[in-house]
Amino acid sequence: MEPTDFAVDRVLAPTPAPAGAAAASASSRADLAAPVARVFAANLANPQLNAADRTYLVQLVMQQTGLPQADAEKRVDQAFTELKAAE
């Protein structure tokens, strides 16, 4: 298991859908895991995620989970913080 695997799992974890809501996921976790892992790996040497990479991950989380932007930002930041701590 690569260190980025946990961060990918955290970012792409499904959220409970409200009753009657359709699933928001258009891509499978398998399709997204490699690009997300590469973004995290490319930023490990940095104290924080590159702004463009963070925006990409936040948008991806919003699309895949249906989370509002603030919650998606929190999820991305938390996953990156935990990845850095585990490094």
PDB file of N, CA and C in Angstrom:
ATOM      1  N   MET A   1       0.846  -1.176   0.000  1.00  0.00           N
ATOM      2  CA  MET A   1       0.000   0.000   0.000  1.00  0.00           C
ATOM      3  C   MET A   1       0.891   1.240   0.000  1.00  0.00           C
ATOM      4  N   GLU A   2       0.627   2.129  -0.914  1.00  0.00           N
ATOM      5  CA  GLU A   2       1.373   3.373  -1.023  1.00  0.00           C
ATOM      6  C   GLU A   2       0.844   4.384  -0.007  1.00  0.00           C
ATOM      7  N   PRO A   3       1.686   5.301   0.457  1.00  0.00           N
ATOM      8  CA  PRO A   3       1.209   6.318   1.400  1.00  0.00           C
ATOM      9  C   PRO A   3       0.054   7.146   0.846  1.00  0.00           C
ATOM     10  N   THR A   4       0.051   7.356  -0.454  1.00  0.00           N
ATOM     11  CA  THR A   4      -1.027   8.163  -1.040  1.00  0.00           C
ATOM     12  C   THR A   4      -2.357   7.421  -1.092  1.00  0.00           C
ATOM     13  N   ASP A   5      -2.351   6.085  -0.953  1.00  0.00           N
ATOM     14  CA  ASP A   5      -3.599   5.321  -1.022  1.00  0.00           C
ATOM     15  C   ASP A   5      -4.597   5.770   0.042  1.00  0.00           C
ATOM     16  N   PHE A   6      -4.118   6.008   1.249  1.00  0.00           N
ATOM     17  CA  PHE A   6      -5.007   6.439   2.320  1.00  0.00           C
ATOM     18  C   PHE A   6      -5.598   7.812   2.001  1.00  0.00           C
ATOM     19  N   ALA A   7      -4.767   8.710   1.481  1.00  0.00           N
ATOM     20  CA  ALA A   7      -5.260  10.042   1.134  1.00  0.00           C
ATOM     21  C   ALA A   7      -6.321   9.947   0.034  1.00  0.00           C
ATOM     22  N   VAL A   8      -6.090   9.092  -0.938  1.00  0.00           N
ATOM     23  CA  VAL A   8      -7.078   8.890  -2.001  1.00  0.00           C
ATOM     24  C   VAL A   8      -8.381   8.366  -1.407  1.00  0.00           C
ATOM     25  N   ASP A   9      -8.284   7.390  -0.521  1.00  0.00           N
ATOM     26  CA  ASP A   9      -9.479   6.845   0.124  1.00  0.00           C
ATOM     27  C   ASP A   9     -10.246   7.924   0.870  1.00  0.00           C
ATOM     28  N   ARG A  10      -9.523   8.777   1.576  1.00  0.00           N
ATOM     29  CA  ARG A  10     -10.171   9.841   2.352  1.00  0.00           C
ATOM     30  C   ARG A  10     -10.882  10.831   1.447  1.00  0.00           C
ATOM     31  N   VAL A  11     -10.230  11.202   0.358  1.00  0.00           N
ATOM     32  CA  VAL A  11     -10.801  12.199  -0.544  1.00  0.00           C
ATOM     33  C   VAL A  11     -12.022  11.655  -1.282  1.00  0.00           C
ATOM     34  N   LEU A  12     -11.950  10.416  -1.728  1.00  0.00           N
ATOM     35  CA  LEU A  12     -13.014   9.861  -2.556  1.00  0.00           C
ATOM     36  C   LEU A  12     -14.061   9.060  -1.785  1.00  0.00           C
ATOM     37  N   ALA A  13     -13.988   9.083  -0.471  1.00  0.00           N
ATOM     38  CA  ALA A  13     -14.968   8.341   0.328  1.00  0.00           C
ATOM     39  C   ALA A  13     -16.373   8.850   0.035  1.00  0.00           C
ATOM     40  N   PRO A  14     -17.300   7.928  -0.160  1.00  0.00           N
ATOM     41  CA  PRO A  14     -18.677   8.360  -0.443  1.00  0.00           C
ATOM     42  C   PRO A  14     -19.308   9.006   0.783  1.00  0.00           C
ATOM     43  N   THR A  15     -20.252   9.871   0.534  1.00  0.00           N
ATOM     44  CA  THR A  15     -21.016  10.479   1.616  1.00  0.00           C
ATOM     45  C   THR A  15     -22.431   9.930   1.537  1.00  0.00           C
ATOM     46  N   PRO A  16     -23.102   9.841   2.671  1.00  0.00           N
ATOM     47  CA  PRO A  16     -24.484   9.363   2.628  1.00  0.00           C
ATOM     48  C   PRO A  16     -25.341  10.308   1.788  1.00  0.00           C
ATOM     49  N   ALA A  17     -26.089   9.757   0.865  1.00  0.00           N
ATOM     50  CA  ALA A  17     -26.968  10.567   0.016  1.00  0.00           C
ATOM     51  C   ALA A  17     -28.273  10.847   0.755  1.00  0.00           C
ATOM     52  N   PRO A  18     -28.799  12.060   0.597  1.00  0.00           N
ATOM     53  CA  PRO A  18     -30.106  12.347   1.178  1.00  0.00           C
ATOM     54  C   PRO A  18     -31.162  11.429   0.569  1.00  0.00           C
ATOM     55  N   ALA A  19     -32.206  11.177   1.289  1.00  0.00           N
ATOM     56  CA  ALA A  19     -33.267  10.293   0.804  1.00  0.00           C
ATOM     57  C   ALA A  19     -33.781  10.779  -0.547  1.00  0.00           C
ATOM     58  N   GLY A  20     -33.841   9.863  -1.502  1.00  0.00           N
ATOM     59  CA  GLY A  20     -34.359  10.209  -2.816  1.00  0.00           C
ATOM     60  C   GLY A  20     -33.346  10.818  -3.763  1.00  0.00           C
ATOM     61  N   ALA A  21     -32.126  11.080  -3.305  1.00  0.00           N
ATOM     62  CA  ALA A  21     -31.117  11.701  -4.156  1.00  0.00           C
ATOM     63  C   ALA A  21     -30.434  10.650  -5.019  1.00  0.00           C
ATOM     64  N   ALA A  22     -30.084  11.041  -6.217  1.00  0.00           N
ATOM     65  CA  ALA A  22     -29.352  10.148  -7.119  1.00  0.00           C
ATOM     66  C   ALA A  22     -27.877  10.207  -6.775  1.00  0.00           C
ATOM     67  N   ALA A  23     -27.160   9.146  -7.090  1.00  0.00           N
ATOM     68  CA  ALA A  23     -25.715   9.120  -6.848  1.00  0.00           C
ATOM     69  C   ALA A  23     -25.030  10.170  -7.702  1.00  0.00           C
ATOM     70  N   ALA A  24     -24.052  10.876  -7.126  1.00  0.00           N
ATOM     71  CA  ALA A  24     -23.367  11.954  -7.833  1.00  0.00           C
ATOM     72  C   ALA A  24     -22.184  11.452  -8.651  1.00  0.00           C
ATOM     73  N   SER A  25     -21.737  10.235  -8.391  1.00  0.00           N
ATOM     74  CA  SER A  25     -20.513   9.733  -8.998  1.00  0.00           C
ATOM     75  C   SER A  25     -20.673   9.429 -10.484  1.00  0.00           C
ATOM     76  N   ALA A  26     -19.824  10.074 -11.307  1.00  0.00           N
ATOM     77  CA  ALA A  26     -19.832   9.815 -12.744  1.00  0.00           C
ATOM     78  C   ALA A  26     -18.667   8.910 -13.117  1.00  0.00           C
ATOM     79  N   SER A  27     -17.665   8.830 -12.277  1.00  0.00           N
ATOM     80  CA  SER A  27     -16.487   8.002 -12.526  1.00  0.00           C
ATOM     81  C   SER A  27     -16.281   7.083 -11.338  1.00  0.00           C
ATOM     82  N   SER A  28     -15.663   5.948 -11.596  1.00  0.00           N
ATOM     83  CA  SER A  28     -15.407   5.030 -10.501  1.00  0.00           C
ATOM     84  C   SER A  28     -14.169   5.456  -9.723  1.00  0.00           C
ATOM     85  N   ARG A  29     -14.067   4.951  -8.514  1.00  0.00           N
ATOM     86  CA  ARG A  29     -12.898   5.243  -7.693  1.00  0.00           C
ATOM     87  C   ARG A  29     -11.632   4.783  -8.409  1.00  0.00           C
ATOM     88  N   ALA A  30     -11.710   3.642  -9.071  1.00  0.00           N
ATOM     89  CA  ALA A  30     -10.540   3.108  -9.772  1.00  0.00           C
ATOM     90  C   ALA A  30     -10.068   4.060 -10.877  1.00  0.00           C
ATOM     91  N   ASP A  31     -11.011   4.696 -11.559  1.00  0.00           N
ATOM     92  CA  ASP A  31     -10.655   5.649 -12.615  1.00  0.00           C
ATOM     93  C   ASP A  31      -9.975   6.894 -12.054  1.00  0.00           C
ATOM     94  N   LEU A  32     -10.294   7.244 -10.826  1.00  0.00           N
ATOM     95  CA  LEU A  32      -9.812   8.498 -10.238  1.00  0.00           C
ATOM     96  C   LEU A  32      -8.624   8.325  -9.306  1.00  0.00           C
ATOM     97  N   ALA A  33      -8.404   7.123  -8.804  1.00  0.00           N
ATOM     98  CA  ALA A  33      -7.369   6.906  -7.790  1.00  0.00           C
ATOM     99  C   ALA A  33      -5.983   7.307  -8.279  1.00  0.00           C
ATOM    100  N   ALA A  34      -5.599   6.902  -9.466  1.00  0.00           N
ATOM    101  CA  ALA A  34      -4.249   7.200  -9.955  1.00  0.00           C
ATOM    102  C   ALA A  34      -4.018   8.698 -10.127  1.00  0.00           C
ATOM    103  N   PRO A  35      -4.938   9.446 -10.771  1.00  0.00           N
ATOM    104  CA  PRO A  35      -4.702  10.885 -10.894  1.00  0.00           C
ATOM    105  C   PRO A  35      -4.662  11.601  -9.540  1.00  0.00           C
ATOM    106  N   VAL A  36      -5.529  11.190  -8.622  1.00  0.00           N
ATOM    107  CA  VAL A  36      -5.535  11.816  -7.298  1.00  0.00           C
ATOM    108  C   VAL A  36      -4.229  11.505  -6.561  1.00  0.00           C
ATOM    109  N   ALA A  37      -3.795  10.263  -6.633  1.00  0.00           N
ATOM    110  CA  ALA A  37      -2.533   9.883  -5.983  1.00  0.00           C
ATOM    111  C   ALA A  37      -1.364  10.670  -6.555  1.00  0.00           C
ATOM    112  N   ARG A  38      -1.356  10.881  -7.877  1.00  0.00           N
ATOM    113  CA  ARG A  38      -0.271  11.658  -8.490  1.00  0.00           C
ATOM    114  C   ARG A  38      -0.277  13.104  -8.012  1.00  0.00           C
ATOM    115  N   VAL A  39      -1.456  13.682  -7.850  1.00  0.00           N
ATOM    116  CA  VAL A  39      -1.541  15.060  -7.346  1.00  0.00           C
ATOM    117  C   VAL A  39      -0.963  15.129  -5.937  1.00  0.00           C
ATOM    118  N   PHE A  40      -1.368  14.199  -5.084  1.00  0.00           N
ATOM    119  CA  PHE A  40      -0.832  14.192  -3.721  1.00  0.00           C
ATOM    120  C   PHE A  40       0.675  13.965  -3.731  1.00  0.00           C
ATOM    121  N   ALA A  41       1.144  12.996  -4.507  1.00  0.00           N
ATOM    122  CA  ALA A  41       2.578  12.694  -4.553  1.00  0.00           C
ATOM    123  C   ALA A  41       3.386  13.880  -5.053  1.00  0.00           C
ATOM    124  N   ALA A  42       2.868  14.596  -6.037  1.00  0.00           N
ATOM    125  CA  ALA A  42       3.576  15.747  -6.595  1.00  0.00           C
ATOM    126  C   ALA A  42       3.692  16.887  -5.589  1.00  0.00           C
ATOM    127  N   ASN A  43       2.826  16.895  -4.589  1.00  0.00           N
ATOM    128  CA  ASN A  43       2.815  17.987  -3.612  1.00  0.00           C
ATOM    129  C   ASN A  43       3.429  17.628  -2.268  1.00  0.00           C
ATOM    130  N   LEU A  44       3.911  16.416  -2.101  1.00  0.00           N
ATOM    131  CA  LEU A  44       4.432  15.992  -0.799  1.00  0.00           C
ATOM    132  C   LEU A  44       5.591  16.846  -0.302  1.00  0.00           C
ATOM    133  N   ALA A  45       6.392  17.355  -1.200  1.00  0.00           N
ATOM    134  CA  ALA A  45       7.537  18.171  -0.784  1.00  0.00           C
ATOM    135  C   ALA A  45       7.117  19.586  -0.390  1.00  0.00           C
ATOM    136  N   ASN A  46       5.885  19.948  -0.671  1.00  0.00           N
ATOM    137  CA  ASN A  46       5.385  21.295  -0.370  1.00  0.00           C
ATOM    138  C   ASN A  46       4.704  21.318   0.995  1.00  0.00           C
ATOM    139  N   PRO A  47       4.723  22.468   1.661  1.00  0.00           N
ATOM    140  CA  PRO A  47       4.023  22.551   2.948  1.00  0.00           C
ATOM    141  C   PRO A  47       2.506  22.484   2.799  1.00  0.00           C
ATOM    142  N   GLN A  48       1.997  22.852   1.626  1.00  0.00           N
ATOM    143  CA  GLN A  48       0.562  22.767   1.364  1.00  0.00           C
ATOM    144  C   GLN A  48       0.347  22.451  -0.106  1.00  0.00           C
ATOM    145  N   LEU A  49      -0.854  22.067  -0.444  1.00  0.00           N
ATOM    146  CA  LEU A  49      -1.172  21.755  -1.828  1.00  0.00           C
ATOM    147  C   LEU A  49      -1.045  22.995  -2.708  1.00  0.00           C
ATOM    148  N   ASN A  50      -0.531  22.814  -3.905  1.00  0.00           N
ATOM    149  CA  ASN A  50      -0.522  23.859  -4.917  1.00  0.00           C
ATOM    150  C   ASN A  50      -1.973  24.295  -5.126  1.00  0.00           C
ATOM    151  N   ALA A  51      -2.213  25.584  -5.300  1.00  0.00           N
ATOM    152  CA  ALA A  51      -3.572  26.110  -5.403  1.00  0.00           C
ATOM    153  C   ALA A  51      -4.363  25.468  -6.544  1.00  0.00           C
ATOM    154  N   ALA A  52      -3.751  25.297  -7.697  1.00  0.00           N
ATOM    155  CA  ALA A  52      -4.455  24.684  -8.832  1.00  0.00           C
ATOM    156  C   ALA A  52      -4.778  23.220  -8.544  1.00  0.00           C
ATOM    157  N   ASP A  53      -3.848  22.512  -7.921  1.00  0.00           N
ATOM    158  CA  ASP A  53      -4.093  21.112  -7.573  1.00  0.00           C
ATOM    159  C   ASP A  53      -5.198  20.997  -6.527  1.00  0.00           C
ATOM    160  N   ARG A  54      -5.197  21.889  -5.558  1.00  0.00           N
ATOM    161  CA  ARG A  54      -6.229  21.872  -4.521  1.00  0.00           C
ATOM    162  C   ARG A  54      -7.600  22.118  -5.150  1.00  0.00           C
ATOM    163  N   THR A  55      -7.670  23.094  -6.047  1.00  0.00           N
ATOM    164  CA  THR A  55      -8.935  23.391  -6.723  1.00  0.00           C
ATOM    165  C   THR A  55      -9.426  22.175  -7.504  1.00  0.00           C
ATOM    166  N   TYR A  56      -8.512  21.509  -8.206  1.00  0.00           N
ATOM    167  CA  TYR A  56      -8.867  20.309  -8.960  1.00  0.00           C
ATOM    168  C   TYR A  56      -9.436  19.238  -8.020  1.00  0.00           C
ATOM    169  N   LEU A  57      -8.753  18.981  -6.911  1.00  0.00           N
ATOM    170  CA  LEU A  57      -9.216  17.955  -5.982  1.00  0.00           C
ATOM    171  C   LEU A  57     -10.553  18.324  -5.353  1.00  0.00           C
ATOM    172  N   VAL A  58     -10.717  19.585  -4.990  1.00  0.00           N
ATOM    173  CA  VAL A  58     -11.981  20.028  -4.389  1.00  0.00           C
ATOM    174  C   VAL A  58     -13.122  19.825  -5.383  1.00  0.00           C
ATOM    175  N   GLN A  59     -12.918  20.209  -6.635  1.00  0.00           N
ATOM    176  CA  GLN A  59     -13.955  20.027  -7.655  1.00  0.00           C
ATOM    177  C   GLN A  59     -14.280  18.551  -7.835  1.00  0.00           C
ATOM    178  N   LEU A  60     -13.260  17.733  -7.840  1.00  0.00           N
ATOM    179  CA  LEU A  60     -13.441  16.294  -7.989  1.00  0.00           C
ATOM    180  C   LEU A  60     -14.242  15.718  -6.827  1.00  0.00           C
ATOM    181  N   VAL A  61     -13.896  16.120  -5.623  1.00  0.00           N
ATOM    182  CA  VAL A  61     -14.625  15.647  -4.441  1.00  0.00           C
ATOM    183  C   VAL A  61     -16.091  16.091  -4.509  1.00  0.00           C
ATOM    184  N   MET A  62     -16.316  17.321  -4.905  1.00  0.00           N
ATOM    185  CA  MET A  62     -17.686  17.814  -5.021  1.00  0.00           C
ATOM    186  C   MET A  62     -18.479  16.987  -6.039  1.00  0.00           C
ATOM    187  N   GLN A  63     -17.865  16.684  -7.171  1.00  0.00           N
ATOM    188  CA  GLN A  63     -18.534  15.897  -8.210  1.00  0.00           C
ATOM    189  C   GLN A  63     -18.829  14.474  -7.743  1.00  0.00           C
ATOM    190  N   GLN A  64     -17.864  13.875  -7.063  1.00  0.00           N
ATOM    191  CA  GLN A  64     -17.971  12.466  -6.698  1.00  0.00           C
ATOM    192  C   GLN A  64     -18.828  12.213  -5.463  1.00  0.00           C
ATOM    193  N   THR A  65     -18.877  13.179  -4.569  1.00  0.00           N
ATOM    194  CA  THR A  65     -19.562  12.953  -3.300  1.00  0.00           C
ATOM    195  C   THR A  65     -20.823  13.773  -3.117  1.00  0.00           C
ATOM    196  N   GLY A  66     -20.952  14.852  -3.876  1.00  0.00           N
ATOM    197  CA  GLY A  66     -22.079  15.747  -3.677  1.00  0.00           C
ATOM    198  C   GLY A  66     -21.906  16.682  -2.498  1.00  0.00           C
ATOM    199  N   LEU A  67     -20.700  16.692  -1.908  1.00  0.00           N
ATOM    200  CA  LEU A  67     -20.436  17.596  -0.789  1.00  0.00           C
ATOM    201  C   LEU A  67     -20.435  19.049  -1.256  1.00  0.00           C
ATOM    202  N   PRO A  68     -20.858  19.973  -0.391  1.00  0.00           N
ATOM    203  CA  PRO A  68     -20.707  21.390  -0.719  1.00  0.00           C
ATOM    204  C   PRO A  68     -19.227  21.768  -0.730  1.00  0.00           C
ATOM    205  N   GLN A  69     -18.900  22.879  -1.361  1.00  0.00           N
ATOM    206  CA  GLN A  69     -17.508  23.271  -1.538  1.00  0.00           C
ATOM    207  C   GLN A  69     -16.734  23.346  -0.221  1.00  0.00           C
ATOM    208  N   ALA A  70     -17.300  23.950   0.796  1.00  0.00           N
ATOM    209  CA  ALA A  70     -16.579  24.093   2.071  1.00  0.00           C
ATOM    210  C   ALA A  70     -16.219  22.729   2.664  1.00  0.00           C
ATOM    211  N   ASP A  71     -17.141  21.778   2.575  1.00  0.00           N
ATOM    212  CA  ASP A  71     -16.870  20.438   3.099  1.00  0.00           C
ATOM    213  C   ASP A  71     -15.849  19.705   2.239  1.00  0.00           C
ATOM    214  N   ALA A  72     -15.917  19.906   0.933  1.00  0.00           N
ATOM    215  CA  ALA A  72     -14.943  19.285   0.031  1.00  0.00           C
ATOM    216  C   ALA A  72     -13.549  19.851   0.290  1.00  0.00           C
ATOM    217  N   GLU A  73     -13.452  21.162   0.512  1.00  0.00           N
ATOM    218  CA  GLU A  73     -12.161  21.782   0.835  1.00  0.00           C
ATOM    219  C   GLU A  73     -11.602  21.204   2.123  1.00  0.00           C
ATOM    220  N   LYS A  74     -12.456  21.074   3.115  1.00  0.00           N
ATOM    221  CA  LYS A  74     -12.024  20.518   4.400  1.00  0.00           C
ATOM    222  C   LYS A  74     -11.521  19.093   4.221  1.00  0.00           C
ATOM    223  N   ARG A  75     -12.232  18.297   3.428  1.00  0.00           N
ATOM    224  CA  ARG A  75     -11.844  16.909   3.206  1.00  0.00           C
ATOM    225  C   ARG A  75     -10.483  16.824   2.512  1.00  0.00           C
ATOM    226  N   VAL A  76     -10.281  17.629   1.484  1.00  0.00           N
ATOM    227  CA  VAL A  76      -9.008  17.626   0.752  1.00  0.00           C
ATOM    228  C   VAL A  76      -7.869  18.067   1.676  1.00  0.00           C
ATOM    229  N   ASP A  77      -8.079  19.150   2.407  1.00  0.00           N
ATOM    230  CA  ASP A  77      -7.033  19.661   3.304  1.00  0.00           C
ATOM    231  C   ASP A  77      -6.692  18.643   4.391  1.00  0.00           C
ATOM    232  N   GLN A  78      -7.704  18.005   4.946  1.00  0.00           N
ATOM    233  CA  GLN A  78      -7.486  17.010   6.001  1.00  0.00           C
ATOM    234  C   GLN A  78      -6.710  15.813   5.462  1.00  0.00           C
ATOM    235  N   ALA A  79      -7.086  15.346   4.286  1.00  0.00           N
ATOM    236  CA  ALA A  79      -6.387  14.198   3.691  1.00  0.00           C
ATOM    237  C   ALA A  79      -4.928  14.538   3.427  1.00  0.00           C
ATOM    238  N   PHE A  80      -4.654  15.739   2.929  1.00  0.00           N
ATOM    239  CA  PHE A  80      -3.274  16.129   2.656  1.00  0.00           C
ATOM    240  C   PHE A  80      -2.486  16.280   3.957  1.00  0.00           C
ATOM    241  N   THR A  81      -3.090  16.853   4.966  1.00  0.00           N
ATOM    242  CA  THR A  81      -2.442  17.005   6.266  1.00  0.00           C
ATOM    243  C   THR A  81      -2.089  15.640   6.848  1.00  0.00           C
ATOM    244  N   GLU A  82      -3.015  14.700   6.766  1.00  0.00           N
ATOM    245  CA  GLU A  82      -2.760  13.356   7.296  1.00  0.00           C
ATOM    246  C   GLU A  82      -1.699  12.632   6.476  1.00  0.00           C
ATOM    247  N   LEU A  83      -1.695  12.848   5.173  1.00  0.00           N
ATOM    248  CA  LEU A  83      -0.663  12.246   4.334  1.00  0.00           C
ATOM    249  C   LEU A  83       0.717  12.789   4.694  1.00  0.00           C
ATOM    250  N   LYS A  84       0.809  14.096   4.874  1.00  0.00           N
ATOM    251  CA  LYS A  84       2.086  14.709   5.260  1.00  0.00           C
ATOM    252  C   LYS A  84       2.547  14.175   6.613  1.00  0.00           C
ATOM    253  N   ALA A  85       1.643  14.005   7.548  1.00  0.00           N
ATOM    254  CA  ALA A  85       1.991  13.503   8.878  1.00  0.00           C
ATOM    255  C   ALA A  85       2.474  12.065   8.816  1.00  0.00           C
ATOM    256  N   ALA A  86       1.913  11.280   7.908  1.00  0.00           N
ATOM    257  CA  ALA A  86       2.274   9.874   7.783  1.00  0.00           C
ATOM    258  C   ALA A  86       3.609   9.673   7.053  1.00  0.00           C
ATOM    259  N   GLU A  87       4.007  10.692   6.325  1.00  0.00           N
ATOM    260  CA  GLU A  87       5.234  10.607   5.523  1.00  0.00           C
ATOM    261  C   GLU A  87       6.457  10.438   6.371  1.00  0.00           C
TER     262      GLU A  87
END
